[in-house]
């Protein structure tokens, strides 16, 4: 959120956001009770928060291992050129890869840092050999297999 938008949020808006971040399945009535406003006020404010783009979605968090995606892999990617065109081509291609959960342009040793979910190491090896190294402009990748997820998908600290 931009600072100007944050300044426009009052205490009730913040309480609504925190409550929904904690439990997106709250009914409007439960949310209204939790933030101490009427259901009509709560509904109107929540709708406004969606319309203004403050709340971007509400969805379930699925246990990866239950659906056969128990391996989490972080991949640093270095492109062969640092031009808007090469970044654009890479980003366009990466958006089509369902295995890539997050893709961030970063400063430091890599151009991009990817968060990928796969079944296992063999599944990643196939993905790496067939798709990752074939992405536009990829010069080098560096792979890190996550041994233990200590903290993930945390709520925003506001």
N, C-alpha and C. Protein backbone atom coordinates (compact mmCIF):
# COMPACT_ATOMS: atom_id res chain seq x y z
N UNK A 1 0.84 -1.18 0.00
CA UNK A 1 0.00 0.00 0.00
C UNK A 1 0.88 1.24 0.00
N UNK A 2 0.45 2.24 -0.71
CA UNK A 2 1.18 3.48 -0.74
C UNK A 2 0.91 4.25 0.54
N UNK A 3 1.86 5.12 0.92
CA UNK A 3 1.70 5.89 2.14
C UNK A 3 0.46 6.76 2.12
N UNK A 4 0.13 7.35 0.95
CA UNK A 4 -1.05 8.20 0.87
C UNK A 4 -2.31 7.38 1.09
N UNK A 5 -2.31 6.12 0.59
CA UNK A 5 -3.48 5.27 0.79
C UNK A 5 -3.57 4.86 2.25
N UNK A 6 -2.43 4.49 2.86
CA UNK A 6 -2.40 4.10 4.25
C UNK A 6 -2.93 5.21 5.14
N UNK A 7 -2.58 6.44 4.81
CA UNK A 7 -3.04 7.57 5.61
C UNK A 7 -4.56 7.72 5.54
N UNK A 8 -5.17 7.26 4.44
CA UNK A 8 -6.61 7.37 4.28
C UNK A 8 -7.36 6.28 5.05
N UNK A 9 -6.66 5.26 5.52
CA UNK A 9 -7.28 4.20 6.29
C UNK A 9 -7.44 4.64 7.74
N UNK A 10 -8.65 4.44 8.28
CA UNK A 10 -8.83 4.76 9.69
C UNK A 10 -8.70 3.49 10.52
N UNK A 11 -8.92 3.61 11.83
CA UNK A 11 -8.74 2.48 12.74
C UNK A 11 -9.67 1.32 12.39
N UNK A 12 -10.89 1.63 12.00
CA UNK A 12 -11.84 0.57 11.64
C UNK A 12 -11.38 -0.17 10.40
N UNK A 13 -10.92 0.56 9.39
CA UNK A 13 -10.38 -0.09 8.19
C UNK A 13 -9.23 -1.03 8.55
N UNK A 14 -8.33 -0.56 9.38
CA UNK A 14 -7.18 -1.36 9.79
C UNK A 14 -7.64 -2.61 10.54
N UNK A 15 -8.63 -2.46 11.42
CA UNK A 15 -9.15 -3.62 12.16
C UNK A 15 -9.79 -4.64 11.21
N UNK A 16 -10.52 -4.13 10.21
CA UNK A 16 -11.12 -5.02 9.21
C UNK A 16 -10.03 -5.77 8.45
N UNK A 17 -9.01 -5.08 8.00
CA UNK A 17 -7.92 -5.71 7.26
C UNK A 17 -7.20 -6.75 8.10
N UNK A 18 -6.91 -6.42 9.34
CA UNK A 18 -6.22 -7.37 10.22
C UNK A 18 -7.07 -8.62 10.45
N UNK A 19 -8.36 -8.42 10.69
CA UNK A 19 -9.25 -9.56 10.95
C UNK A 19 -9.36 -10.46 9.73
N UNK A 20 -9.50 -9.87 8.56
CA UNK A 20 -9.61 -10.68 7.33
C UNK A 20 -8.30 -11.36 6.99
N UNK A 21 -7.19 -10.73 7.31
CA UNK A 21 -5.90 -11.34 7.07
C UNK A 21 -5.73 -12.57 7.97
N UNK A 22 -6.27 -12.49 9.16
CA UNK A 22 -6.19 -13.60 10.11
C UNK A 22 -7.15 -14.73 9.71
N UNK A 23 -8.35 -14.36 9.25
CA UNK A 23 -9.35 -15.36 8.89
C UNK A 23 -10.25 -14.81 7.79
N UNK A 24 -9.96 -15.14 6.55
CA UNK A 24 -10.72 -14.65 5.41
C UNK A 24 -12.09 -15.27 5.27
N UNK A 25 -12.41 -16.26 6.11
CA UNK A 25 -13.71 -16.93 6.04
C UNK A 25 -14.75 -16.30 6.96
N UNK A 26 -14.40 -15.25 7.66
CA UNK A 26 -15.37 -14.59 8.54
C UNK A 26 -16.57 -14.12 7.74
N UNK A 27 -17.75 -14.34 8.28
CA UNK A 27 -18.94 -13.76 7.66
C UNK A 27 -18.94 -12.27 7.95
N UNK A 28 -19.74 -11.53 7.22
CA UNK A 28 -19.83 -10.10 7.47
C UNK A 28 -20.30 -9.84 8.90
N UNK A 29 -21.24 -10.63 9.40
CA UNK A 29 -21.74 -10.45 10.76
C UNK A 29 -20.64 -10.70 11.79
N UNK A 30 -19.85 -11.76 11.58
CA UNK A 30 -18.74 -12.05 12.50
C UNK A 30 -17.68 -10.96 12.45
N UNK A 31 -17.39 -10.49 11.26
CA UNK A 31 -16.41 -9.42 11.08
C UNK A 31 -16.89 -8.14 11.76
N UNK A 32 -18.14 -7.81 11.58
CA UNK A 32 -18.71 -6.61 12.20
C UNK A 32 -18.59 -6.67 13.72
N UNK A 33 -18.89 -7.84 14.30
CA UNK A 33 -18.76 -8.00 15.75
C UNK A 33 -17.31 -7.83 16.19
N UNK A 34 -16.41 -8.43 15.42
CA UNK A 34 -15.00 -8.39 15.78
C UNK A 34 -14.43 -6.96 15.75
N UNK A 35 -14.91 -6.14 14.80
CA UNK A 35 -14.36 -4.79 14.68
C UNK A 35 -15.27 -3.73 15.31
N UNK A 36 -16.38 -4.20 15.89
CA UNK A 36 -17.28 -3.33 16.66
C UNK A 36 -17.96 -2.25 15.82
N UNK A 37 -18.53 -2.67 14.69
CA UNK A 37 -19.36 -1.78 13.86
C UNK A 37 -20.61 -2.56 13.45
N UNK A 38 -21.58 -1.86 12.91
CA UNK A 38 -22.80 -2.54 12.44
C UNK A 38 -22.47 -3.37 11.20
N UNK A 39 -23.27 -4.42 10.94
CA UNK A 39 -23.04 -5.22 9.73
C UNK A 39 -23.11 -4.38 8.45
N UNK A 40 -24.03 -3.42 8.39
CA UNK A 40 -24.15 -2.58 7.19
C UNK A 40 -22.88 -1.75 6.98
N UNK A 41 -22.38 -1.15 8.06
CA UNK A 41 -21.15 -0.36 7.98
C UNK A 41 -19.97 -1.24 7.58
N UNK A 42 -19.90 -2.42 8.18
CA UNK A 42 -18.82 -3.36 7.89
C UNK A 42 -18.83 -3.76 6.41
N UNK A 43 -20.02 -4.08 5.91
CA UNK A 43 -20.14 -4.49 4.50
C UNK A 43 -19.72 -3.34 3.57
N UNK A 44 -20.19 -2.16 3.85
CA UNK A 44 -19.86 -0.99 3.02
C UNK A 44 -18.34 -0.74 3.02
N UNK A 45 -17.73 -0.80 4.19
CA UNK A 45 -16.28 -0.55 4.30
C UNK A 45 -15.48 -1.66 3.61
N UNK A 46 -15.90 -2.90 3.79
CA UNK A 46 -15.19 -4.01 3.16
C UNK A 46 -15.27 -3.91 1.64
N UNK A 47 -16.45 -3.58 1.14
CA UNK A 47 -16.61 -3.40 -0.31
C UNK A 47 -15.70 -2.29 -0.82
N UNK A 48 -15.62 -1.19 -0.07
CA UNK A 48 -14.74 -0.08 -0.47
C UNK A 48 -13.28 -0.52 -0.49
N UNK A 49 -12.87 -1.32 0.50
CA UNK A 49 -11.49 -1.79 0.56
C UNK A 49 -11.16 -2.68 -0.64
N UNK A 50 -12.14 -3.47 -1.11
CA UNK A 50 -11.96 -4.26 -2.33
C UNK A 50 -11.87 -3.34 -3.55
N UNK A 51 -12.83 -2.42 -3.66
CA UNK A 51 -12.91 -1.53 -4.82
C UNK A 51 -11.66 -0.66 -4.97
N UNK A 52 -11.09 -0.23 -3.85
CA UNK A 52 -9.90 0.61 -3.89
C UNK A 52 -8.61 -0.19 -4.04
N UNK A 53 -8.72 -1.51 -4.09
CA UNK A 53 -7.54 -2.33 -4.31
C UNK A 53 -6.73 -2.63 -3.07
N UNK A 54 -7.25 -2.30 -1.91
CA UNK A 54 -6.53 -2.59 -0.67
C UNK A 54 -6.58 -4.09 -0.37
N UNK A 55 -7.73 -4.71 -0.58
CA UNK A 55 -7.87 -6.16 -0.50
C UNK A 55 -7.87 -6.65 -1.95
N UNK A 56 -6.91 -7.50 -2.26
CA UNK A 56 -6.80 -7.94 -3.65
C UNK A 56 -7.46 -9.28 -3.91
N UNK A 57 -7.59 -10.13 -2.88
CA UNK A 57 -8.28 -11.41 -3.05
C UNK A 57 -8.48 -12.06 -1.69
N UNK A 58 -9.35 -13.04 -1.68
CA UNK A 58 -9.56 -13.88 -0.51
C UNK A 58 -9.52 -15.31 -1.02
N UNK A 59 -8.65 -16.14 -0.45
CA UNK A 59 -8.53 -17.50 -0.94
C UNK A 59 -8.04 -18.43 0.16
N UNK A 60 -8.18 -19.71 -0.09
CA UNK A 60 -7.75 -20.72 0.87
C UNK A 60 -6.26 -20.99 0.72
N UNK A 61 -5.58 -21.27 1.81
CA UNK A 61 -4.20 -21.72 1.78
C UNK A 61 -4.22 -23.23 1.85
N UNK A 62 -3.68 -23.88 0.84
CA UNK A 62 -3.69 -25.33 0.73
C UNK A 62 -2.37 -25.90 1.25
N UNK A 63 -2.44 -26.99 2.02
CA UNK A 63 -1.24 -27.66 2.50
C UNK A 63 -0.55 -28.32 1.30
N UNK A 64 0.64 -27.84 0.91
CA UNK A 64 1.29 -28.34 -0.31
C UNK A 64 1.49 -29.86 -0.35
N UNK A 65 1.89 -30.46 0.75
CA UNK A 65 2.16 -31.89 0.75
C UNK A 65 0.90 -32.71 0.47
N UNK A 66 -0.24 -32.21 0.91
CA UNK A 66 -1.50 -32.93 0.73
C UNK A 66 -1.86 -33.06 -0.75
N UNK A 67 -1.45 -32.09 -1.56
CA UNK A 67 -1.74 -32.13 -3.00
C UNK A 67 -0.51 -32.55 -3.82
N UNK A 68 0.46 -33.16 -3.14
CA UNK A 68 1.61 -33.72 -3.84
C UNK A 68 2.66 -32.72 -4.27
N UNK A 69 2.73 -31.58 -3.59
CA UNK A 69 3.74 -30.58 -3.94
C UNK A 69 4.59 -30.24 -2.71
N UNK A 70 5.21 -31.28 -2.16
CA UNK A 70 5.94 -31.14 -0.91
C UNK A 70 7.31 -30.49 -0.98
N UNK A 71 7.86 -30.32 -2.16
CA UNK A 71 9.20 -29.74 -2.28
C UNK A 71 9.12 -28.25 -2.64
N UNK A 72 9.76 -27.45 -1.82
CA UNK A 72 9.84 -26.01 -2.07
C UNK A 72 11.27 -25.69 -2.51
N UNK A 73 11.38 -24.97 -3.62
CA UNK A 73 12.69 -24.68 -4.19
C UNK A 73 12.78 -23.18 -4.48
N UNK A 74 13.88 -22.59 -4.08
CA UNK A 74 14.16 -21.19 -4.41
C UNK A 74 15.22 -21.20 -5.50
N UNK A 75 15.02 -20.39 -6.52
CA UNK A 75 15.96 -20.36 -7.64
C UNK A 75 16.35 -18.92 -7.94
N UNK A 76 17.64 -18.66 -7.90
CA UNK A 76 18.17 -17.37 -8.32
C UNK A 76 18.46 -17.45 -9.80
N UNK A 77 18.04 -16.43 -10.55
CA UNK A 77 18.22 -16.42 -12.00
C UNK A 77 19.02 -15.18 -12.40
N UNK A 78 20.03 -15.41 -13.23
CA UNK A 78 20.81 -14.32 -13.81
C UNK A 78 20.54 -14.32 -15.30
N UNK A 79 20.16 -13.16 -15.82
CA UNK A 79 19.92 -13.03 -17.26
C UNK A 79 21.20 -12.62 -17.96
N UNK A 80 21.26 -12.88 -19.26
CA UNK A 80 22.47 -12.54 -20.01
C UNK A 80 22.58 -11.05 -20.31
N UNK A 81 21.45 -10.35 -20.27
CA UNK A 81 21.47 -8.89 -20.49
C UNK A 81 20.54 -8.22 -19.49
N UNK A 82 20.87 -7.01 -19.10
CA UNK A 82 20.01 -6.22 -18.20
C UNK A 82 19.35 -5.11 -18.99
N UNK A 83 18.40 -5.49 -19.84
CA UNK A 83 17.69 -4.50 -20.64
C UNK A 83 16.19 -4.66 -20.38
N UNK A 84 15.43 -3.61 -20.59
CA UNK A 84 13.98 -3.72 -20.41
C UNK A 84 13.37 -4.84 -21.27
N UNK A 85 13.92 -5.02 -22.46
CA UNK A 85 13.40 -6.06 -23.36
C UNK A 85 13.65 -7.46 -22.81
N UNK A 86 14.87 -7.70 -22.30
CA UNK A 86 15.16 -9.03 -21.77
C UNK A 86 14.38 -9.29 -20.49
N UNK A 87 14.22 -8.28 -19.65
CA UNK A 87 13.39 -8.44 -18.45
C UNK A 87 11.95 -8.74 -18.84
N UNK A 88 11.44 -8.00 -19.81
CA UNK A 88 10.05 -8.18 -20.25
C UNK A 88 9.81 -9.57 -20.81
N UNK A 89 10.73 -10.07 -21.64
CA UNK A 89 10.58 -11.40 -22.23
C UNK A 89 10.61 -12.48 -21.16
N UNK A 90 11.53 -12.32 -20.20
CA UNK A 90 11.62 -13.29 -19.11
C UNK A 90 10.34 -13.28 -18.27
N UNK A 91 9.89 -12.11 -17.90
CA UNK A 91 8.69 -11.99 -17.06
C UNK A 91 7.45 -12.53 -17.77
N UNK A 92 7.33 -12.27 -19.04
CA UNK A 92 6.18 -12.78 -19.80
C UNK A 92 6.18 -14.31 -19.80
N UNK A 93 7.35 -14.91 -19.96
CA UNK A 93 7.45 -16.37 -19.99
C UNK A 93 7.20 -16.97 -18.60
N UNK A 94 7.71 -16.33 -17.57
CA UNK A 94 7.58 -16.87 -16.21
C UNK A 94 6.12 -16.83 -15.73
N UNK A 95 5.36 -15.85 -16.21
CA UNK A 95 3.94 -15.75 -15.83
C UNK A 95 3.13 -16.95 -16.30
N UNK A 96 3.63 -17.67 -17.29
CA UNK A 96 2.93 -18.83 -17.84
C UNK A 96 3.28 -20.13 -17.10
N UNK A 97 4.23 -20.08 -16.19
CA UNK A 97 4.67 -21.29 -15.49
C UNK A 97 3.91 -21.46 -14.17
N UNK A 98 3.03 -22.45 -14.11
CA UNK A 98 2.20 -22.65 -12.92
C UNK A 98 3.02 -23.09 -11.71
N UNK A 99 4.17 -23.68 -11.93
CA UNK A 99 5.01 -24.15 -10.81
C UNK A 99 5.65 -22.99 -10.05
N UNK A 100 5.77 -21.83 -10.70
CA UNK A 100 6.41 -20.68 -10.08
C UNK A 100 5.36 -19.92 -9.27
N UNK A 101 5.53 -19.94 -7.95
CA UNK A 101 4.59 -19.28 -7.05
C UNK A 101 4.88 -17.78 -6.94
N UNK A 102 6.16 -17.44 -6.86
CA UNK A 102 6.59 -16.05 -6.75
C UNK A 102 7.76 -15.81 -7.68
N UNK A 103 7.80 -14.63 -8.26
CA UNK A 103 8.93 -14.21 -9.08
C UNK A 103 9.18 -12.75 -8.75
N UNK A 104 10.37 -12.46 -8.25
CA UNK A 104 10.70 -11.10 -7.84
C UNK A 104 11.99 -10.63 -8.50
N UNK A 105 11.96 -9.43 -9.06
CA UNK A 105 13.17 -8.78 -9.56
C UNK A 105 13.91 -8.28 -8.32
N UNK A 106 15.17 -8.67 -8.18
CA UNK A 106 15.91 -8.36 -6.96
C UNK A 106 17.24 -7.66 -7.28
N UNK A 107 17.77 -6.99 -6.28
CA UNK A 107 19.11 -6.42 -6.37
C UNK A 107 20.07 -7.41 -5.72
N UNK A 108 21.27 -7.47 -6.21
CA UNK A 108 22.25 -8.39 -5.63
C UNK A 108 22.83 -9.33 -6.66
N UNK A 109 23.09 -10.56 -6.24
CA UNK A 109 23.76 -11.53 -7.10
C UNK A 109 22.90 -12.06 -8.23
N UNK A 110 21.57 -11.96 -8.11
CA UNK A 110 20.66 -12.47 -9.12
C UNK A 110 19.83 -11.33 -9.69
N UNK A 111 19.24 -11.58 -10.85
CA UNK A 111 18.27 -10.64 -11.40
C UNK A 111 16.88 -10.94 -10.83
N UNK A 112 16.56 -12.24 -10.71
CA UNK A 112 15.25 -12.66 -10.23
C UNK A 112 15.42 -13.75 -9.18
N UNK A 113 14.48 -13.79 -8.25
CA UNK A 113 14.42 -14.87 -7.28
C UNK A 113 13.05 -15.51 -7.43
N UNK A 114 13.05 -16.83 -7.69
CA UNK A 114 11.82 -17.57 -7.92
C UNK A 114 11.53 -18.49 -6.73
N UNK A 115 10.26 -18.62 -6.41
CA UNK A 115 9.79 -19.58 -5.41
C UNK A 115 8.95 -20.59 -6.18
N UNK A 116 9.36 -21.86 -6.12
CA UNK A 116 8.77 -22.90 -6.95
C UNK A 116 8.30 -24.07 -6.08
N UNK A 117 7.14 -24.62 -6.41
CA UNK A 117 6.63 -25.82 -5.74
C UNK A 117 6.59 -26.97 -6.74
N UNK A 118 7.18 -28.11 -6.34
CA UNK A 118 7.18 -29.32 -7.16
C UNK A 118 6.97 -30.53 -6.24
N UNK A 119 6.79 -31.71 -6.85
CA UNK A 119 6.61 -32.93 -6.07
C UNK A 119 7.86 -33.30 -5.28
N UNK A 120 9.01 -33.33 -5.98
CA UNK A 120 10.25 -33.80 -5.38
C UNK A 120 11.44 -33.33 -6.22
N UNK A 121 12.61 -33.79 -5.85
CA UNK A 121 13.83 -33.36 -6.55
C UNK A 121 13.82 -33.80 -8.01
N UNK A 122 13.32 -35.00 -8.29
CA UNK A 122 13.26 -35.48 -9.67
C UNK A 122 12.33 -34.59 -10.50
N UNK A 123 11.22 -34.19 -9.91
CA UNK A 123 10.27 -33.30 -10.59
C UNK A 123 10.93 -31.95 -10.90
N UNK A 124 11.69 -31.44 -9.93
CA UNK A 124 12.39 -30.18 -10.17
C UNK A 124 13.45 -30.35 -11.25
N UNK A 125 14.17 -31.46 -11.23
CA UNK A 125 15.21 -31.70 -12.23
C UNK A 125 14.61 -31.65 -13.64
N UNK A 126 13.44 -32.24 -13.81
CA UNK A 126 12.75 -32.21 -15.10
C UNK A 126 12.35 -30.78 -15.46
N UNK A 127 11.77 -30.07 -14.51
CA UNK A 127 11.36 -28.68 -14.74
C UNK A 127 12.57 -27.82 -15.12
N UNK A 128 13.66 -27.99 -14.40
CA UNK A 128 14.87 -27.21 -14.66
C UNK A 128 15.41 -27.48 -16.06
N UNK A 129 15.51 -28.76 -16.40
CA UNK A 129 16.08 -29.12 -17.70
C UNK A 129 15.21 -28.78 -18.89
N UNK A 130 13.89 -28.82 -18.71
CA UNK A 130 12.99 -28.58 -19.84
C UNK A 130 12.47 -27.16 -19.94
N UNK A 131 12.34 -26.47 -18.80
CA UNK A 131 11.72 -25.14 -18.85
C UNK A 131 12.59 -24.00 -18.33
N UNK A 132 13.14 -24.16 -17.13
CA UNK A 132 13.85 -23.02 -16.52
C UNK A 132 15.03 -22.53 -17.34
N UNK A 133 15.90 -23.44 -17.73
CA UNK A 133 17.09 -22.99 -18.48
C UNK A 133 16.75 -22.58 -19.90
N UNK A 134 15.54 -22.90 -20.35
CA UNK A 134 15.11 -22.51 -21.69
C UNK A 134 14.36 -21.18 -21.70
N UNK A 135 14.16 -20.58 -20.53
CA UNK A 135 13.47 -19.29 -20.47
C UNK A 135 14.29 -18.22 -21.19
N UNK A 136 13.63 -17.23 -21.78
CA UNK A 136 14.35 -16.20 -22.53
C UNK A 136 15.41 -15.48 -21.71
N UNK A 137 16.63 -15.46 -22.23
CA UNK A 137 17.71 -14.67 -21.64
C UNK A 137 18.40 -15.28 -20.44
N UNK A 138 18.04 -16.48 -20.03
CA UNK A 138 18.65 -17.07 -18.83
C UNK A 138 20.09 -17.46 -19.11
N UNK A 139 21.00 -16.88 -18.34
CA UNK A 139 22.41 -17.23 -18.44
C UNK A 139 22.80 -18.23 -17.37
N UNK A 140 22.24 -18.06 -16.15
CA UNK A 140 22.65 -18.90 -15.04
C UNK A 140 21.50 -19.02 -14.05
N UNK A 141 21.41 -20.20 -13.41
CA UNK A 141 20.46 -20.38 -12.31
C UNK A 141 21.22 -20.93 -11.11
N UNK A 142 20.73 -20.62 -9.95
CA UNK A 142 21.29 -21.13 -8.70
C UNK A 142 20.13 -21.66 -7.89
N UNK A 143 20.16 -22.93 -7.53
CA UNK A 143 19.03 -23.60 -6.90
C UNK A 143 19.28 -23.85 -5.42
N UNK A 144 18.24 -23.60 -4.63
CA UNK A 144 18.28 -23.83 -3.19
C UNK A 144 17.05 -24.64 -2.80
N UNK A 145 17.25 -25.88 -2.36
CA UNK A 145 16.15 -26.70 -1.89
C UNK A 145 15.87 -26.34 -0.44
N UNK A 146 14.63 -26.03 -0.13
CA UNK A 146 14.24 -25.66 1.23
C UNK A 146 14.13 -26.93 2.06
N UNK A 147 14.90 -26.98 3.13
CA UNK A 147 14.90 -28.16 4.00
C UNK A 147 13.80 -28.08 5.06
N UNK A 148 13.48 -26.86 5.47
CA UNK A 148 12.45 -26.66 6.49
C UNK A 148 11.85 -25.29 6.30
N UNK A 149 10.53 -25.23 6.23
CA UNK A 149 9.85 -23.95 6.15
C UNK A 149 9.60 -23.44 7.56
N UNK A 150 10.31 -22.42 7.93
CA UNK A 150 10.19 -21.87 9.28
C UNK A 150 9.02 -20.89 9.37
N UNK A 151 8.84 -20.08 8.34
CA UNK A 151 7.77 -19.09 8.33
C UNK A 151 7.42 -18.82 6.89
N UNK A 152 6.15 -18.87 6.57
CA UNK A 152 5.73 -18.63 5.20
C UNK A 152 4.35 -18.04 5.15
N UNK A 153 4.09 -17.27 4.11
CA UNK A 153 2.78 -16.64 3.91
C UNK A 153 2.27 -15.91 5.14
N UNK A 154 3.17 -15.22 5.80
CA UNK A 154 2.81 -14.48 7.02
C UNK A 154 1.91 -13.29 6.67
N UNK A 155 1.14 -12.86 7.65
CA UNK A 155 0.32 -11.66 7.49
C UNK A 155 1.20 -10.43 7.40
N UNK A 156 0.71 -9.41 6.73
CA UNK A 156 1.46 -8.16 6.64
C UNK A 156 1.54 -7.52 8.02
N UNK A 157 2.68 -6.97 8.36
CA UNK A 157 2.88 -6.41 9.72
C UNK A 157 2.46 -4.93 9.81
N UNK A 158 1.17 -4.70 9.87
CA UNK A 158 0.73 -3.30 10.03
C UNK A 158 -0.21 -3.18 11.18
